[in-house]
Amino acid sequence: MSDLPFTLDQLRILKAIAQEGSFKRAADSLYVSQPAVSLQVQNLERQLDVPLFDRGGRRAQLTEAGHLLLNYGEKILSLCQETCRAIEDLQNLQGGTLIVGASQTTGTYLLPRMIGLFRQKYPDVAVQLHVHSTRRTAWSVVNGQVDLAIIGGEIPAELAESLEIIPYSEDELALILPVFHPFSKLETIQKEDLYKLQFIALDSQSTIRKVIDQVLARHDIDTRRLKVEMELNSIEAIKNAVQSGLGAAFVSTSAIAKELQMDVLHCAPIEGVVVKRTLWLIFNPNRYRSKAAEAFSREILPQFAAPGWNIDVLKSSQNHRSLAINTTLELDTSHSDES
């Protein structure tokens, strides 16, 4: 096929309409007129000889053909972005972009510190942090939308085969109490004391909640006897609730450093019990890894890793990355008339 029946601009428009749900909002997001968007869609449907949208409802709904084109179009646009980033790398970290992903706790408390150190060394590199659920973050890494990510949840089995998954560090989940609680005067509390506390927790389906329950159960603590008086949807809300005297909670130690320093929360060790979870570093070995991502991996990741963490494991995918670069550039060259 000498001429493709679509352009990159048309794929961008298709993606924008699917995201925004209407031609008008898509036009606004792309800073073009609505008639221009409608004309491009009409031309695209004529070139493909198939309807892409069901125009019967108030919201722009993709047809089966529209969904198919969108699926491949997102991959094409992702590869084009990857190609541009590879070319930007020729400037040797005098520009370019680093995109890091994280699950909620690591993205809120750990990654900003890491990114701050990176920006001090490479101020000309634009850094993006995408904080989402473990599943969504893993999808973004697989699709090449994120260079690498640090997550604390379980990676879906269907994604694990496409990712390099490396144990990175351990995240300790500490028991926090109000500073005026009677137990805060004790050096340690006993396992049985947990049954006397009122707990504030994340939703029972959250990853951290499941980890806490599993670790406590392994230490012969009956989690069904724990009194969960309140469930909140954020770590910050839980910390504020504990500080106000509403109960106790398990939170990541990375989330309470400031509060402990200010002496507004008490961290209570439990005799014979340490609650930890593994944080995982994930990346796609078959995708191009930018010089910015290489520098971040080489210079920043080791500073926060568990003792004995070996950065050499990141180098094992070098051959895969070289192949990915060649494939990306070859694809971009073969369709240069469409860019």
Protein backbone atom coordinates (compact mmCIF):
# COMPACT_ATOMS: atom_id res chain seq x y z
CA MET A 1 0.00 0.00 0.00
CA SER A 2 1.71 3.20 -1.18
CA ASP A 3 -0.71 5.64 0.51
CA LEU A 4 -2.24 5.04 3.94
CA PRO A 5 -5.95 5.88 4.20
CA PHE A 6 -5.37 8.00 7.31
CA THR A 7 -2.99 10.62 8.69
CA LEU A 8 -1.51 11.09 12.15
CA ASP A 9 -3.68 14.18 12.60
CA GLN A 10 -6.78 12.10 11.89
CA LEU A 11 -5.69 9.52 14.46
CA ARG A 12 -5.18 12.30 17.02
CA ILE A 13 -8.67 13.62 16.29
CA LEU A 14 -10.18 10.14 16.60
CA LYS A 15 -8.46 9.66 19.96
CA ALA A 16 -9.58 13.08 21.21
CA ILE A 17 -13.23 12.43 20.29
CA ALA A 18 -13.14 9.05 22.03
CA GLN A 19 -11.67 10.64 25.16
CA GLU A 20 -13.89 13.73 25.25
CA GLY A 21 -17.13 12.09 24.11
CA SER A 22 -18.09 14.81 21.63
CA PHE A 23 -16.79 16.50 18.51
CA LYS A 24 -17.01 19.96 20.12
CA ARG A 25 -15.00 19.09 23.25
CA ALA A 26 -12.46 17.26 21.08
CA ALA A 27 -12.08 20.37 18.90
CA ASP A 28 -11.60 22.54 22.01
CA SER A 29 -8.93 20.19 23.40
CA LEU A 30 -7.05 20.28 20.07
CA TYR A 31 -7.50 24.07 19.63
CA VAL A 32 -9.20 23.70 16.25
CA SER A 33 -12.72 24.41 15.06
CA GLN A 34 -15.52 21.88 15.30
CA PRO A 35 -16.16 22.00 11.51
CA ALA A 36 -12.49 21.12 10.94
CA VAL A 37 -12.84 18.08 13.22
CA SER A 38 -16.06 16.97 11.51
CA LEU A 39 -14.47 17.35 8.07
CA GLN A 40 -11.45 15.25 9.06
CA VAL A 41 -13.71 12.49 10.41
CA GLN A 42 -15.83 12.55 7.25
CA ASN A 43 -12.70 12.30 5.08
CA LEU A 44 -11.39 9.45 7.22
CA GLU A 45 -14.66 7.51 6.98
CA ARG A 46 -14.75 8.07 3.22
CA GLN A 47 -11.15 6.90 2.81
CA LEU A 48 -11.78 3.79 4.90
CA ASP A 49 -15.28 3.28 3.46
CA VAL A 50 -16.68 2.47 6.91
CA PRO A 51 -18.55 4.49 9.59
CA LEU A 52 -16.45 5.17 12.69
CA PHE A 53 -19.08 6.80 14.90
CA ASP A 54 -22.69 6.04 15.75
CA ARG A 55 -24.28 9.46 15.52
CA GLY A 56 -27.66 8.44 16.89
CA GLY A 57 -27.03 9.42 20.52
CA ARG A 58 -26.01 12.58 22.32
CA ARG A 59 -22.51 11.24 22.99
CA ALA A 60 -20.15 10.31 20.17
CA GLN A 61 -19.99 6.50 20.29
CA LEU A 62 -17.41 4.53 18.33
CA THR A 63 -18.56 1.76 16.05
CA GLU A 64 -16.76 -1.60 16.04
CA ALA A 65 -14.54 -0.31 13.23
CA GLY A 66 -13.92 2.87 15.21
CA HIS A 67 -12.78 0.91 18.25
CA LEU A 68 -10.47 -1.17 16.07
CA LEU A 69 -8.90 1.89 14.46
CA LEU A 70 -8.55 3.63 17.85
CA ASN A 71 -6.77 0.60 19.31
CA TYR A 72 -4.17 0.54 16.53
CA GLY A 73 -4.07 4.33 16.32
CA GLU A 74 -3.03 4.67 19.96
CA LYS A 75 -0.18 2.23 19.34
CA ILE A 76 0.93 4.18 16.26
CA LEU A 77 0.85 7.51 18.13
CA SER A 78 2.74 5.97 21.04
CA LEU A 79 5.48 4.76 18.70
CA CYS A 80 5.68 8.18 17.08
CA GLN A 81 6.13 9.80 20.49
CA GLU A 82 8.77 7.22 21.34
CA THR A 83 10.60 8.04 18.10
CA CYS A 84 10.61 11.75 18.88
CA ARG A 85 11.96 11.07 22.36
CA ALA A 86 14.74 8.91 20.91
CA ILE A 87 15.75 11.73 18.58
CA GLU A 88 15.62 14.23 21.47
CA ASP A 89 18.12 12.01 23.29
CA LEU A 90 20.75 12.99 20.77
CA GLN A 91 21.00 16.24 22.72
CA ASN A 92 22.55 14.27 25.60
CA LEU A 93 20.19 15.24 28.43
CA GLN A 94 20.05 18.90 27.39
CA GLY A 95 16.34 18.34 26.92
CA GLY A 96 13.95 15.45 26.51
CA THR A 97 11.38 13.95 28.85
CA LEU A 98 11.34 11.43 31.68
CA ILE A 99 7.97 9.84 32.46
CA VAL A 100 7.77 7.94 35.75
CA GLY A 101 4.79 6.00 37.05
CA ALA A 102 3.79 5.03 40.57
CA SER A 103 0.97 3.61 42.63
CA GLN A 104 -0.70 5.89 45.15
CA THR A 105 1.54 5.75 48.23
CA THR A 106 4.87 5.63 46.39
CA GLY A 107 3.72 8.36 44.02
CA THR A 108 2.67 10.63 46.86
CA TYR A 109 5.60 10.24 49.24
CA LEU A 110 8.59 8.52 47.58
CA LEU A 111 8.73 9.60 43.93
CA PRO A 112 8.62 13.38 44.54
CA ARG A 113 11.84 13.10 46.58
CA MET A 114 13.49 11.05 43.83
CA ILE A 115 12.36 13.43 41.10
CA GLY A 116 13.60 16.41 43.12
CA LEU A 117 17.11 14.94 43.24
CA PHE A 118 17.00 14.16 39.52
CA ARG A 119 15.88 17.68 38.63
CA GLN A 120 18.77 19.15 40.61
CA LYS A 121 21.21 17.29 38.35
CA TYR A 122 19.29 17.58 35.08
CA PRO A 123 17.17 20.75 35.18
CA ASP A 124 16.66 20.75 31.39
CA VAL A 125 14.84 17.41 31.39
CA ALA A 126 11.06 17.67 31.64
CA VAL A 127 9.77 15.16 34.20
CA GLN A 128 6.23 13.81 34.39
CA LEU A 129 4.88 11.72 37.28
CA HIS A 130 1.79 9.60 36.61
CA VAL A 131 0.14 8.34 39.81
CA HIS A 132 -2.55 5.71 39.32
CA SER A 133 -3.54 2.25 40.49
CA THR A 134 -1.04 -0.57 40.06
CA ARG A 135 -3.05 -2.04 37.17
CA ARG A 136 -3.33 1.22 35.26
CA THR A 137 0.33 2.04 35.89
CA ALA A 138 1.42 -1.38 34.62
CA TRP A 139 -0.67 -0.89 31.46
CA SER A 140 1.02 2.47 30.87
CA VAL A 141 4.47 0.87 31.14
CA VAL A 142 3.50 -1.96 28.77
CA ASN A 143 2.14 0.54 26.21
CA GLY A 144 5.26 2.72 26.38
CA GLN A 145 3.44 5.70 27.89
CA VAL A 146 5.64 5.50 31.02
CA ASP A 147 9.40 4.82 31.08
CA LEU A 148 9.47 2.99 34.40
CA ALA A 149 7.40 2.75 37.54
CA ILE A 150 7.61 1.84 41.21
CA ILE A 151 4.50 0.12 42.49
CA GLY A 152 3.42 -1.69 45.62
CA GLY A 153 0.49 -3.74 44.39
CA GLU A 154 0.11 -7.03 42.58
CA ILE A 155 0.66 -6.81 38.84
CA PRO A 156 -2.06 -8.47 36.73
CA ALA A 157 -0.95 -11.80 35.28
CA GLU A 158 -1.78 -10.78 31.71
CA LEU A 159 0.67 -7.88 31.96
CA ALA A 160 3.49 -9.60 33.84
CA GLU A 161 4.76 -11.41 30.73
CA SER A 162 5.43 -8.08 28.98
CA LEU A 163 7.29 -6.48 31.89
CA GLU A 164 10.59 -6.73 33.69
CA ILE A 165 9.58 -6.90 37.37
CA ILE A 166 12.37 -6.35 39.91
CA PRO A 167 12.13 -6.29 43.73
CA TYR A 168 13.25 -2.76 44.57
CA SER A 169 12.82 -2.03 48.27
CA GLU A 170 10.69 -2.76 51.31
CA ASP A 171 8.00 -0.43 52.58
CA GLU A 172 7.35 -0.73 56.32
CA LEU A 173 3.79 -0.10 57.44
CA ALA A 174 3.88 1.36 60.94
CA LEU A 175 1.17 1.49 63.59
CA ILE A 176 0.44 5.13 64.39
CA LEU A 177 -1.44 6.48 67.40
CA PRO A 178 -2.45 9.91 68.70
CA VAL A 179 0.37 11.31 70.83
CA PHE A 180 -1.97 11.49 73.82
CA HIS A 181 -3.09 7.84 73.59
CA PRO A 182 -2.15 5.78 76.69
CA PHE A 183 -0.25 3.27 74.51
CA SER A 184 2.00 6.06 73.22
CA LYS A 185 3.82 6.01 76.57
CA LEU A 186 4.87 2.37 76.08
CA GLU A 187 8.11 1.35 74.36
CA THR A 188 6.28 -1.50 72.61
CA ILE A 189 2.74 -2.84 72.63
CA GLN A 190 1.67 -6.49 72.62
CA LYS A 191 -0.23 -8.22 69.86
CA GLU A 192 -3.25 -8.56 72.15
CA ASP A 193 -3.33 -4.77 72.56
CA LEU A 194 -4.36 -4.43 68.92
CA TYR A 195 -7.81 -5.79 69.80
CA LYS A 196 -8.30 -2.86 72.21
CA LEU A 197 -7.75 -0.20 69.56
CA GLN A 198 -10.19 1.47 67.22
CA PHE A 199 -8.78 1.45 63.70
CA ILE A 200 -9.04 3.81 60.78
CA ALA A 201 -8.23 2.04 57.52
CA LEU A 202 -8.33 2.20 53.76
CA ASP A 203 -11.04 0.32 51.90
CA SER A 204 -10.93 -3.46 52.44
CA GLN A 205 -10.15 -3.97 48.73
CA SER A 206 -7.09 -1.71 48.75
CA THR A 207 -3.69 -3.29 48.21
CA ILE A 208 -2.17 -1.94 51.42
CA ARG A 209 -5.13 -3.14 53.49
CA LYS A 210 -4.75 -6.65 52.09
CA VAL A 211 -1.01 -6.68 52.79
CA ILE A 212 -1.58 -5.59 56.40
CA ASP A 213 -4.20 -8.28 56.96
CA GLN A 214 -1.96 -10.97 55.46
CA VAL A 215 1.08 -10.03 57.56
CA LEU A 216 -0.93 -9.77 60.78
CA ALA A 217 -2.52 -13.16 60.09
CA ARG A 218 0.95 -14.69 59.66
CA HIS A 219 1.74 -13.43 63.16
CA ASP A 220 -1.35 -15.18 64.56
CA ILE A 221 -3.38 -11.99 64.85
CA ASP A 222 -7.07 -12.48 64.10
CA THR A 223 -7.86 -9.53 61.82
CA ARG A 224 -11.57 -10.21 62.17
CA ARG A 225 -11.30 -9.09 65.80
CA LEU A 226 -9.77 -5.74 64.91
CA LYS A 227 -12.27 -2.92 65.32
CA VAL A 228 -12.30 -0.92 62.09
CA GLU A 229 -14.43 2.06 63.04
CA MET A 230 -13.84 4.13 59.92
CA GLU A 231 -12.70 3.64 56.32
CA LEU A 232 -11.19 6.57 54.44
CA ASN A 233 -9.94 6.83 50.87
CA SER A 234 -6.61 8.60 51.38
CA ILE A 235 -3.51 8.31 53.56
CA GLU A 236 -3.61 12.04 54.33
CA ALA A 237 -7.17 11.75 55.64
CA ILE A 238 -6.18 8.77 57.79
CA LYS A 239 -3.20 10.62 59.27
CA ASN A 240 -5.36 13.64 60.12
CA ALA A 241 -7.99 11.40 61.70
CA VAL A 242 -5.41 9.67 63.90
CA GLN A 243 -3.85 13.00 64.84
CA SER A 244 -7.31 14.17 65.91
CA GLY A 245 -7.71 11.20 68.22
CA LEU A 246 -10.24 9.22 66.19
CA GLY A 247 -8.27 5.96 66.25
CA ALA A 248 -5.12 4.09 65.23
CA ALA A 249 -3.92 3.12 61.76
CA PHE A 250 -1.22 1.35 59.77
CA VAL A 251 0.50 3.65 57.27
CA SER A 252 3.73 3.61 55.30
CA THR A 253 6.69 5.01 57.21
CA SER A 254 7.47 7.14 54.15
CA ALA A 255 4.17 8.94 54.73
CA ILE A 256 4.75 9.99 58.34
CA ALA A 257 8.32 11.32 58.44
CA LYS A 258 7.17 14.93 58.79
CA GLU A 259 4.55 14.13 61.43
CA LEU A 260 7.02 12.16 63.54
CA GLN A 261 9.54 14.98 63.32
CA MET A 262 6.87 17.46 64.45
CA ASP A 263 5.77 15.04 67.20
CA VAL A 264 2.10 15.12 66.19
CA LEU A 265 1.84 11.34 65.71
CA HIS A 266 3.27 8.43 67.68
CA CYS A 267 4.74 5.35 65.98
CA ALA A 268 4.08 2.30 68.19
CA PRO A 269 6.29 -0.80 67.69
CA ILE A 270 4.47 -4.12 68.12
CA GLU A 271 6.36 -6.81 70.01
CA GLY A 272 7.51 -9.45 67.50
CA VAL A 273 5.56 -8.00 64.57
CA VAL A 274 6.93 -6.06 61.60
CA VAL A 275 4.54 -5.23 58.77
CA LYS A 276 6.32 -4.83 55.43
CA ARG A 277 5.50 -5.04 51.76
CA THR A 278 7.75 -5.23 48.70
CA LEU A 279 7.95 -2.32 46.27
CA TRP A 280 8.58 -3.37 42.67
CA LEU A 281 10.40 -1.61 39.87
CA ILE A 282 8.80 -2.33 36.50
CA PHE A 283 9.76 -1.42 32.94
CA ASN A 284 9.17 -2.77 29.45
CA PRO A 285 12.41 -4.37 28.18
CA ASN A 286 11.17 -4.23 24.58
CA ARG A 287 10.63 -0.47 24.58
CA TYR A 288 13.20 2.24 24.01
CA ARG A 289 14.58 3.61 27.25
CA SER A 290 15.66 7.23 27.01
CA LYS A 291 18.93 8.62 28.29
CA ALA A 292 16.92 10.43 30.95
CA ALA A 293 15.45 7.11 32.12
CA GLU A 294 18.92 5.55 32.08
CA ALA A 295 20.31 8.40 34.19
CA PHE A 296 17.40 8.17 36.62
CA SER A 297 17.93 4.40 36.95
CA ARG A 298 21.68 4.69 37.36
CA GLU A 299 21.93 7.72 39.66
CA ILE A 300 18.66 8.01 41.61
CA LEU A 301 17.16 4.55 42.05
CA PRO A 302 20.12 3.10 44.03
CA GLN A 303 19.80 5.86 46.66
CA PHE A 304 16.37 4.62 47.77
CA ALA A 305 16.72 0.88 47.10
CA ALA A 306 16.94 -1.92 49.64
CA PRO A 307 20.48 -2.97 50.68
CA GLY A 308 21.98 -5.34 48.14
CA TRP A 309 19.81 -4.12 45.29
CA ASN A 310 21.71 -4.67 42.07
CA ILE A 311 21.35 -2.05 39.34
CA ASP A 312 23.11 -4.39 36.85
CA VAL A 313 19.82 -6.21 36.36
CA LEU A 314 18.58 -3.14 34.47
CA LYS A 315 21.32 -3.58 31.90
CA SER A 316 20.20 -7.07 30.91
CA SER A 317 17.63 -5.65 28.48
CA GLN A 318 20.10 -3.57 26.47
CA ASN A 319 19.77 -5.81 23.40
CA HIS A 320 15.98 -5.56 23.56
CA ARG A 321 16.16 -1.79 23.70
CA SER A 322 18.50 -1.59 20.70
CA LEU A 323 16.07 -3.68 18.71
CA ALA A 324 13.19 -1.47 19.83
CA ILE A 325 15.05 1.67 18.70
CA ASN A 326 15.71 0.25 15.24
CA THR A 327 12.12 -0.90 14.84
CA THR A 328 10.76 2.47 15.94
CA LEU A 329 12.97 4.49 13.62
CA GLU A 330 12.28 2.16 10.72
CA LEU A 331 8.54 2.55 11.22
CA ASP A 332 8.83 6.34 11.39
CA THR A 333 10.90 6.45 8.17
CA SER A 334 8.56 4.23 6.21
CA HIS A 335 5.58 6.49 7.01
CA SER A 336 7.37 9.85 7.03
CA ASP A 337 4.92 11.25 4.51
CA GLU A 338 2.13 10.91 7.08
CA SER A 339 3.88 12.84 9.88
